[in-house]
Amino acid sequence: MNKDSRDYLEMSFRSIDCFTNDGKLLPDELQSIVDIALRDGIVDANEKRVLSSIISKLTPSELTPAMQAKVAEVKKLL
């Protein structure tokens, strides 16, 4: 049986919740999405794609120093 991870779907839905909550993604919200990807110990291609997409949607106002540091951490996983 093919047991492909569907964590990327949960990550996508979580990111939608975060962005629609107040229109911005915060560093701890990004970390909660990363935690979903890391829970099985492997960041697969779909999870990397979702993380890249999330990062690409960040606006300049969201890129605070704390968020820039978090994004740098996430990019190491990609």
PDB file of N, CA and C in Angstrom:
ATOM      1  N   MET A   1       0.838  -1.182   0.000  1.00  0.00           N
ATOM      2  CA  MET A   1       0.000   0.000   0.000  1.00  0.00           C
ATOM      3  C   MET A   1       0.882   1.244   0.000  1.00  0.00           C
ATOM      4  N   ASN A   2       0.564   2.188  -0.824  1.00  0.00           N
ATOM      5  CA  ASN A   2       1.317   3.435  -0.903  1.00  0.00           C
ATOM      6  C   ASN A   2       0.894   4.346   0.238  1.00  0.00           C
ATOM      7  N   LYS A   3       1.859   4.676   1.082  1.00  0.00           N
ATOM      8  CA  LYS A   3       1.528   5.504   2.239  1.00  0.00           C
ATOM      9  C   LYS A   3       2.174   6.879   2.099  1.00  0.00           C
ATOM     10  N   ASP A   4       1.799   7.593   1.059  1.00  0.00           N
ATOM     11  CA  ASP A   4       2.311   8.939   0.857  1.00  0.00           C
ATOM     12  C   ASP A   4       1.798   9.847   1.965  1.00  0.00           C
ATOM     13  N   SER A   5       2.664  10.719   2.407  1.00  0.00           N
ATOM     14  CA  SER A   5       2.289  11.672   3.448  1.00  0.00           C
ATOM     15  C   SER A   5       1.314  12.698   2.889  1.00  0.00           C
ATOM     16  N   ARG A   6       0.329  12.997   3.660  1.00  0.00           N
ATOM     17  CA  ARG A   6      -0.620  14.054   3.288  1.00  0.00           C
ATOM     18  C   ARG A   6      -0.451  15.270   4.190  1.00  0.00           C
ATOM     19  N   ASP A   7       0.683  15.309   4.876  1.00  0.00           N
ATOM     20  CA  ASP A   7       0.956  16.441   5.751  1.00  0.00           C
ATOM     21  C   ASP A   7       0.940  17.757   4.991  1.00  0.00           C
ATOM     22  N   TYR A   8       1.340  17.724   3.729  1.00  0.00           N
ATOM     23  CA  TYR A   8       1.365  18.958   2.944  1.00  0.00           C
ATOM     24  C   TYR A   8      -0.029  19.574   2.832  1.00  0.00           C
ATOM     25  N   LEU A   9      -1.068  18.734   2.828  1.00  0.00           N
ATOM     26  CA  LEU A   9      -2.433  19.272   2.791  1.00  0.00           C
ATOM     27  C   LEU A   9      -2.765  19.987   4.094  1.00  0.00           C
ATOM     28  N   GLU A  10      -2.387  19.368   5.201  1.00  0.00           N
ATOM     29  CA  GLU A  10      -2.604  20.008   6.505  1.00  0.00           C
ATOM     30  C   GLU A  10      -1.826  21.316   6.595  1.00  0.00           C
ATOM     31  N   MET A  11      -0.601  21.315   6.068  1.00  0.00           N
ATOM     32  CA  MET A  11       0.213  22.530   6.067  1.00  0.00           C
ATOM     33  C   MET A  11      -0.475  23.634   5.257  1.00  0.00           C
ATOM     34  N   SER A  12      -1.017  23.262   4.114  1.00  0.00           N
ATOM     35  CA  SER A  12      -1.702  24.245   3.266  1.00  0.00           C
ATOM     36  C   SER A  12      -2.909  24.842   3.975  1.00  0.00           C
ATOM     37  N   PHE A  13      -3.715  23.978   4.572  1.00  0.00           N
ATOM     38  CA  PHE A  13      -4.901  24.468   5.287  1.00  0.00           C
ATOM     39  C   PHE A  13      -4.509  25.325   6.480  1.00  0.00           C
ATOM     40  N   ARG A  14      -3.467  24.932   7.177  1.00  0.00           N
ATOM     41  CA  ARG A  14      -2.996  25.714   8.325  1.00  0.00           C
ATOM     42  C   ARG A  14      -2.521  27.088   7.873  1.00  0.00           C
ATOM     43  N   SER A  15      -1.819  27.149   6.753  1.00  0.00           N
ATOM     44  CA  SER A  15      -1.337  28.444   6.264  1.00  0.00           C
ATOM     45  C   SER A  15      -2.507  29.340   5.871  1.00  0.00           C
ATOM     46  N   ILE A  16      -3.534  28.757   5.275  1.00  0.00           N
ATOM     47  CA  ILE A  16      -4.721  29.542   4.922  1.00  0.00           C
ATOM     48  C   ILE A  16      -5.346  30.129   6.179  1.00  0.00           C
ATOM     49  N   ASP A  17      -5.461  29.315   7.228  1.00  0.00           N
ATOM     50  CA  ASP A  17      -6.001  29.809   8.503  1.00  0.00           C
ATOM     51  C   ASP A  17      -5.172  30.973   9.032  1.00  0.00           C
ATOM     52  N   CYS A  18      -3.857  30.825   8.981  1.00  0.00           N
ATOM     53  CA  CYS A  18      -2.969  31.866   9.512  1.00  0.00           C
ATOM     54  C   CYS A  18      -3.093  33.162   8.716  1.00  0.00           C
ATOM     55  N   PHE A  19      -3.075  33.051   7.396  1.00  0.00           N
ATOM     56  CA  PHE A  19      -3.153  34.243   6.561  1.00  0.00           C
ATOM     57  C   PHE A  19      -4.522  34.923   6.673  1.00  0.00           C
ATOM     58  N   THR A  20      -5.578  34.141   6.794  1.00  0.00           N
ATOM     59  CA  THR A  20      -6.912  34.739   6.840  1.00  0.00           C
ATOM     60  C   THR A  20      -7.289  35.236   8.229  1.00  0.00           C
ATOM     61  N   ASN A  21      -6.607  34.754   9.241  1.00  0.00           N
ATOM     62  CA  ASN A  21      -6.897  35.180  10.605  1.00  0.00           C
ATOM     63  C   ASN A  21      -6.739  36.683  10.764  1.00  0.00           C
ATOM     64  N   ASP A  22      -5.563  37.195  10.416  1.00  0.00           N
ATOM     65  CA  ASP A  22      -5.319  38.633  10.527  1.00  0.00           C
ATOM     66  C   ASP A  22      -4.628  39.195   9.288  1.00  0.00           C
ATOM     67  N   GLY A  23      -4.534  38.378   8.256  1.00  0.00           N
ATOM     68  CA  GLY A  23      -3.925  38.822   7.007  1.00  0.00           C
ATOM     69  C   GLY A  23      -2.420  38.716   6.969  1.00  0.00           C
ATOM     70  N   LYS A  24      -1.831  38.289   8.082  1.00  0.00           N
ATOM     71  CA  LYS A  24      -0.379  38.187   8.154  1.00  0.00           C
ATOM     72  C   LYS A  24       0.017  36.839   8.714  1.00  0.00           C
ATOM     73  N   LEU A  25       1.219  36.424   8.350  1.00  0.00           N
ATOM     74  CA  LEU A  25       1.799  35.214   8.910  1.00  0.00           C
ATOM     75  C   LEU A  25       2.865  35.645   9.911  1.00  0.00           C
ATOM     76  N   LEU A  26       2.786  35.117  11.105  1.00  0.00           N
ATOM     77  CA  LEU A  26       3.739  35.432  12.163  1.00  0.00           C
ATOM     78  C   LEU A  26       4.768  34.312  12.283  1.00  0.00           C
ATOM     79  N   PRO A  27       5.945  34.611  12.850  1.00  0.00           N
ATOM     80  CA  PRO A  27       6.984  33.583  12.957  1.00  0.00           C
ATOM     81  C   PRO A  27       6.519  32.307  13.672  1.00  0.00           C
ATOM     82  N   ASP A  28       5.746  32.450  14.749  1.00  0.00           N
ATOM     83  CA  ASP A  28       5.290  31.245  15.456  1.00  0.00           C
ATOM     84  C   ASP A  28       4.280  30.464  14.623  1.00  0.00           C
ATOM     85  N   GLU A  29       3.517  31.146  13.789  1.00  0.00           N
ATOM     86  CA  GLU A  29       2.578  30.460  12.896  1.00  0.00           C
ATOM     87  C   GLU A  29       3.345  29.693  11.813  1.00  0.00           C
ATOM     88  N   LEU A  30       4.394  30.304  11.281  1.00  0.00           N
ATOM     89  CA  LEU A  30       5.229  29.615  10.305  1.00  0.00           C
ATOM     90  C   LEU A  30       5.873  28.393  10.953  1.00  0.00           C
ATOM     91  N   GLN A  31       6.314  28.537  12.189  1.00  0.00           N
ATOM     92  CA  GLN A  31       6.917  27.400  12.890  1.00  0.00           C
ATOM     93  C   GLN A  31       5.915  26.264  13.064  1.00  0.00           C
ATOM     94  N   SER A  32       4.662  26.601  13.351  1.00  0.00           N
ATOM     95  CA  SER A  32       3.652  25.548  13.515  1.00  0.00           C
ATOM     96  C   SER A  32       3.441  24.779  12.214  1.00  0.00           C
ATOM     97  N   ILE A  33       3.587  25.455  11.094  1.00  0.00           N
ATOM     98  CA  ILE A  33       3.469  24.796   9.783  1.00  0.00           C
ATOM     99  C   ILE A  33       4.694  23.920   9.539  1.00  0.00           C
ATOM    100  N   VAL A  34       5.870  24.427   9.884  1.00  0.00           N
ATOM    101  CA  VAL A  34       7.111  23.649   9.752  1.00  0.00           C
ATOM    102  C   VAL A  34       7.034  22.405  10.630  1.00  0.00           C
ATOM    103  N   ASP A  35       6.477  22.549  11.820  1.00  0.00           N
ATOM    104  CA  ASP A  35       6.357  21.412  12.738  1.00  0.00           C
ATOM    105  C   ASP A  35       5.551  20.273  12.121  1.00  0.00           C
ATOM    106  N   ILE A  36       4.540  20.619  11.342  1.00  0.00           N
ATOM    107  CA  ILE A  36       3.758  19.586  10.654  1.00  0.00           C
ATOM    108  C   ILE A  36       4.657  18.823   9.682  1.00  0.00           C
ATOM    109  N   ALA A  37       5.477  19.552   8.941  1.00  0.00           N
ATOM    110  CA  ALA A  37       6.384  18.917   7.977  1.00  0.00           C
ATOM    111  C   ALA A  37       7.411  18.033   8.675  1.00  0.00           C
ATOM    112  N   LEU A  38       7.849  18.445   9.844  1.00  0.00           N
ATOM    113  CA  LEU A  38       8.918  17.732  10.544  1.00  0.00           C
ATOM    114  C   LEU A  38       8.436  16.568  11.405  1.00  0.00           C
ATOM    115  N   ARG A  39       7.151  16.438  11.606  1.00  0.00           N
ATOM    116  CA  ARG A  39       6.699  15.446  12.577  1.00  0.00           C
ATOM    117  C   ARG A  39       7.026  14.004  12.186  1.00  0.00           C
ATOM    118  N   ASP A  40       7.182  13.717  10.906  1.00  0.00           N
ATOM    119  CA  ASP A  40       7.586  12.362  10.516  1.00  0.00           C
ATOM    120  C   ASP A  40       9.091  12.260  10.267  1.00  0.00           C
ATOM    121  N   GLY A  41       9.809  13.367  10.494  1.00  0.00           N
ATOM    122  CA  GLY A  41      11.260  13.358  10.372  1.00  0.00           C
ATOM    123  C   GLY A  41      11.781  13.601   8.961  1.00  0.00           C
ATOM    124  N   ILE A  42      10.874  13.711   7.995  1.00  0.00           N
ATOM    125  CA  ILE A  42      11.281  13.907   6.605  1.00  0.00           C
ATOM    126  C   ILE A  42      10.462  15.056   6.010  1.00  0.00           C
ATOM    127  N   VAL A  43      11.162  15.993   5.388  1.00  0.00           N
ATOM    128  CA  VAL A  43      10.468  17.059   4.665  1.00  0.00           C
ATOM    129  C   VAL A  43      10.475  16.637   3.201  1.00  0.00           C
ATOM    130  N   ASP A  44       9.321  16.115   2.743  1.00  0.00           N
ATOM    131  CA  ASP A  44       9.260  15.578   1.385  1.00  0.00           C
ATOM    132  C   ASP A  44       9.050  16.694   0.353  1.00  0.00           C
ATOM    133  N   ALA A  45       9.019  16.301  -0.896  1.00  0.00           N
ATOM    134  CA  ALA A  45       8.931  17.276  -1.999  1.00  0.00           C
ATOM    135  C   ALA A  45       7.661  18.122  -1.917  1.00  0.00           C
ATOM    136  N   ASN A  46       6.531  17.513  -1.567  1.00  0.00           N
ATOM    137  CA  ASN A  46       5.284  18.276  -1.462  1.00  0.00           C
ATOM    138  C   ASN A  46       5.351  19.282  -0.319  1.00  0.00           C
ATOM    139  N   GLU A  47       5.919  18.871   0.797  1.00  0.00           N
ATOM    140  CA  GLU A  47       6.053  19.783   1.941  1.00  0.00           C
ATOM    141  C   GLU A  47       6.989  20.934   1.603  1.00  0.00           C
ATOM    142  N   LYS A  48       8.062  20.648   0.895  1.00  0.00           N
ATOM    143  CA  LYS A  48       8.987  21.696   0.458  1.00  0.00           C
ATOM    144  C   LYS A  48       8.286  22.675  -0.475  1.00  0.00           C
ATOM    145  N   ARG A  49       7.468  22.139  -1.361  1.00  0.00           N
ATOM    146  CA  ARG A  49       6.723  22.984  -2.298  1.00  0.00           C
ATOM    147  C   ARG A  49       5.779  23.920  -1.551  1.00  0.00           C
ATOM    148  N   VAL A  50       5.082  23.390  -0.552  1.00  0.00           N
ATOM    149  CA  VAL A  50       4.160  24.211   0.236  1.00  0.00           C
ATOM    150  C   VAL A  50       4.926  25.281   1.008  1.00  0.00           C
ATOM    151  N   LEU A  51       6.026  24.902   1.637  1.00  0.00           N
ATOM    152  CA  LEU A  51       6.822  25.879   2.391  1.00  0.00           C
ATOM    153  C   LEU A  51       7.350  26.986   1.469  1.00  0.00           C
ATOM    154  N   SER A  52       7.833  26.605   0.304  1.00  0.00           N
ATOM    155  CA  SER A  52       8.323  27.607  -0.658  1.00  0.00           C
ATOM    156  C   SER A  52       7.213  28.554  -1.073  1.00  0.00           C
ATOM    157  N   SER A  53       6.034  27.998  -1.302  1.00  0.00           N
ATOM    158  CA  SER A  53       4.895  28.818  -1.694  1.00  0.00           C
ATOM    159  C   SER A  53       4.508  29.794  -0.588  1.00  0.00           C
ATOM    160  N   ILE A  54       4.505  29.317   0.640  1.00  0.00           N
ATOM    161  CA  ILE A  54       4.164  30.173   1.780  1.00  0.00           C
ATOM    162  C   ILE A  54       5.162  31.320   1.891  1.00  0.00           C
ATOM    163  N   ILE A  55       6.430  31.000   1.797  1.00  0.00           N
ATOM    164  CA  ILE A  55       7.477  32.026   1.908  1.00  0.00           C
ATOM    165  C   ILE A  55       7.334  33.054   0.787  1.00  0.00           C
ATOM    166  N   SER A  56       6.990  32.589  -0.407  1.00  0.00           N
ATOM    167  CA  SER A  56       6.880  33.506  -1.544  1.00  0.00           C
ATOM    168  C   SER A  56       5.711  34.483  -1.393  1.00  0.00           C
ATOM    169  N   LYS A  57       4.755  34.155  -0.543  1.00  0.00           N
ATOM    170  CA  LYS A  57       3.584  35.012  -0.357  1.00  0.00           C
ATOM    171  C   LYS A  57       3.753  36.042   0.760  1.00  0.00           C
ATOM    172  N   LEU A  58       4.865  35.994   1.467  1.00  0.00           N
ATOM    173  CA  LEU A  58       5.088  36.955   2.549  1.00  0.00           C
ATOM    174  C   LEU A  58       5.266  38.356   1.975  1.00  0.00           C
ATOM    175  N   THR A  59       4.650  39.304   2.634  1.00  0.00           N
ATOM    176  CA  THR A  59       4.739  40.699   2.205  1.00  0.00           C
ATOM    177  C   THR A  59       5.885  41.390   2.946  1.00  0.00           C
ATOM    178  N   PRO A  60       6.346  42.521   2.438  1.00  0.00           N
ATOM    179  CA  PRO A  60       7.414  43.245   3.129  1.00  0.00           C
ATOM    180  C   PRO A  60       7.072  43.571   4.593  1.00  0.00           C
ATOM    181  N   SER A  61       5.807  43.861   4.871  1.00  0.00           N
ATOM    182  CA  SER A  61       5.438  44.194   6.256  1.00  0.00           C
ATOM    183  C   SER A  61       5.531  42.981   7.183  1.00  0.00           C
ATOM    184  N   GLU A  62       5.458  41.785   6.617  1.00  0.00           N
ATOM    185  CA  GLU A  62       5.587  40.568   7.425  1.00  0.00           C
ATOM    186  C   GLU A  62       7.042  40.196   7.673  1.00  0.00           C
ATOM    187  N   LEU A  63       7.936  40.715   6.847  1.00  0.00           N
ATOM    188  CA  LEU A  63       9.340  40.330   6.935  1.00  0.00           C
ATOM    189  C   LEU A  63      10.091  41.133   7.993  1.00  0.00           C
ATOM    190  N   THR A  64       9.600  41.016   9.204  1.00  0.00           N
ATOM    191  CA  THR A  64      10.272  41.617  10.354  1.00  0.00           C
ATOM    192  C   THR A  64      11.600  40.881  10.573  1.00  0.00           C
ATOM    193  N   PRO A  65      12.478  41.405  11.402  1.00  0.00           N
ATOM    194  CA  PRO A  65      13.720  40.680  11.680  1.00  0.00           C
ATOM    195  C   PRO A  65      13.465  39.256  12.199  1.00  0.00           C
ATOM    196  N   ALA A  66      12.465  39.085  13.048  1.00  0.00           N
ATOM    197  CA  ALA A  66      12.147  37.755  13.570  1.00  0.00           C
ATOM    198  C   ALA A  66      11.672  36.825  12.454  1.00  0.00           C
ATOM    199  N   MET A  67      10.847  37.359  11.555  1.00  0.00           N
ATOM    200  CA  MET A  67      10.368  36.533  10.447  1.00  0.00           C
ATOM    201  C   MET A  67      11.496  36.228   9.476  1.00  0.00           C
ATOM    202  N   GLN A  68      12.376  37.184   9.227  1.00  0.00           N
ATOM    203  CA  GLN A  68      13.520  36.933   8.347  1.00  0.00           C
ATOM    204  C   GLN A  68      14.386  35.809   8.905  1.00  0.00           C
ATOM    205  N   ALA A  69      14.580  35.789  10.213  1.00  0.00           N
ATOM    206  CA  ALA A  69      15.360  34.722  10.845  1.00  0.00           C
ATOM    207  C   ALA A  69      14.651  33.374  10.691  1.00  0.00           C
ATOM    208  N   LYS A  70      13.333  33.372  10.872  1.00  0.00           N
ATOM    209  CA  LYS A  70      12.557  32.134  10.731  1.00  0.00           C
ATOM    210  C   LYS A  70      12.595  31.644   9.292  1.00  0.00           C
ATOM    211  N   VAL A  71      12.468  32.546   8.332  1.00  0.00           N
ATOM    212  CA  VAL A  71      12.523  32.180   6.923  1.00  0.00           C
ATOM    213  C   VAL A  71      13.895  31.577   6.593  1.00  0.00           C
ATOM    214  N   ALA A  72      14.945  32.140   7.130  1.00  0.00           N
ATOM    215  CA  ALA A  72      16.291  31.603   6.898  1.00  0.00           C
ATOM    216  C   ALA A  72      16.392  30.165   7.427  1.00  0.00           C
ATOM    217  N   GLU A  73      15.786  29.899   8.574  1.00  0.00           N
ATOM    218  CA  GLU A  73      15.771  28.535   9.127  1.00  0.00           C
ATOM    219  C   GLU A  73      15.005  27.596   8.198  1.00  0.00           C
ATOM    220  N   VAL A  74      13.862  28.044   7.738  1.00  0.00           N
ATOM    221  CA  VAL A  74      13.014  27.206   6.867  1.00  0.00           C
ATOM    222  C   VAL A  74      13.722  26.915   5.552  1.00  0.00           C
ATOM    223  N   LYS A  75      14.395  27.902   5.006  1.00  0.00           N
ATOM    224  CA  LYS A  75      15.083  27.696   3.728  1.00  0.00           C
ATOM    225  C   LYS A  75      16.149  26.627   3.817  1.00  0.00           C
ATOM    226  N   LYS A  76      16.687  26.393   4.984  1.00  0.00           N
ATOM    227  CA  LYS A  76      17.674  25.315   5.169  1.00  0.00           C
ATOM    228  C   LYS A  76      17.028  23.937   4.977  1.00  0.00           C
ATOM    229  N   LEU A  77      15.715  23.856   5.174  1.00  0.00           N
ATOM    230  CA  LEU A  77      14.988  22.598   4.995  1.00  0.00           C
ATOM    231  C   LEU A  77      14.632  22.337   3.532  1.00  0.00           C
ATOM    232  N   LEU A  78      14.687  23.391   2.735  1.00  0.00           N
ATOM    233  CA  LEU A  78      14.276  23.261   1.334  1.00  0.00           C
ATOM    234  C   LEU A  78      15.408  22.743   0.540  1.00  0.00           C
TER     235      LEU A  78
END
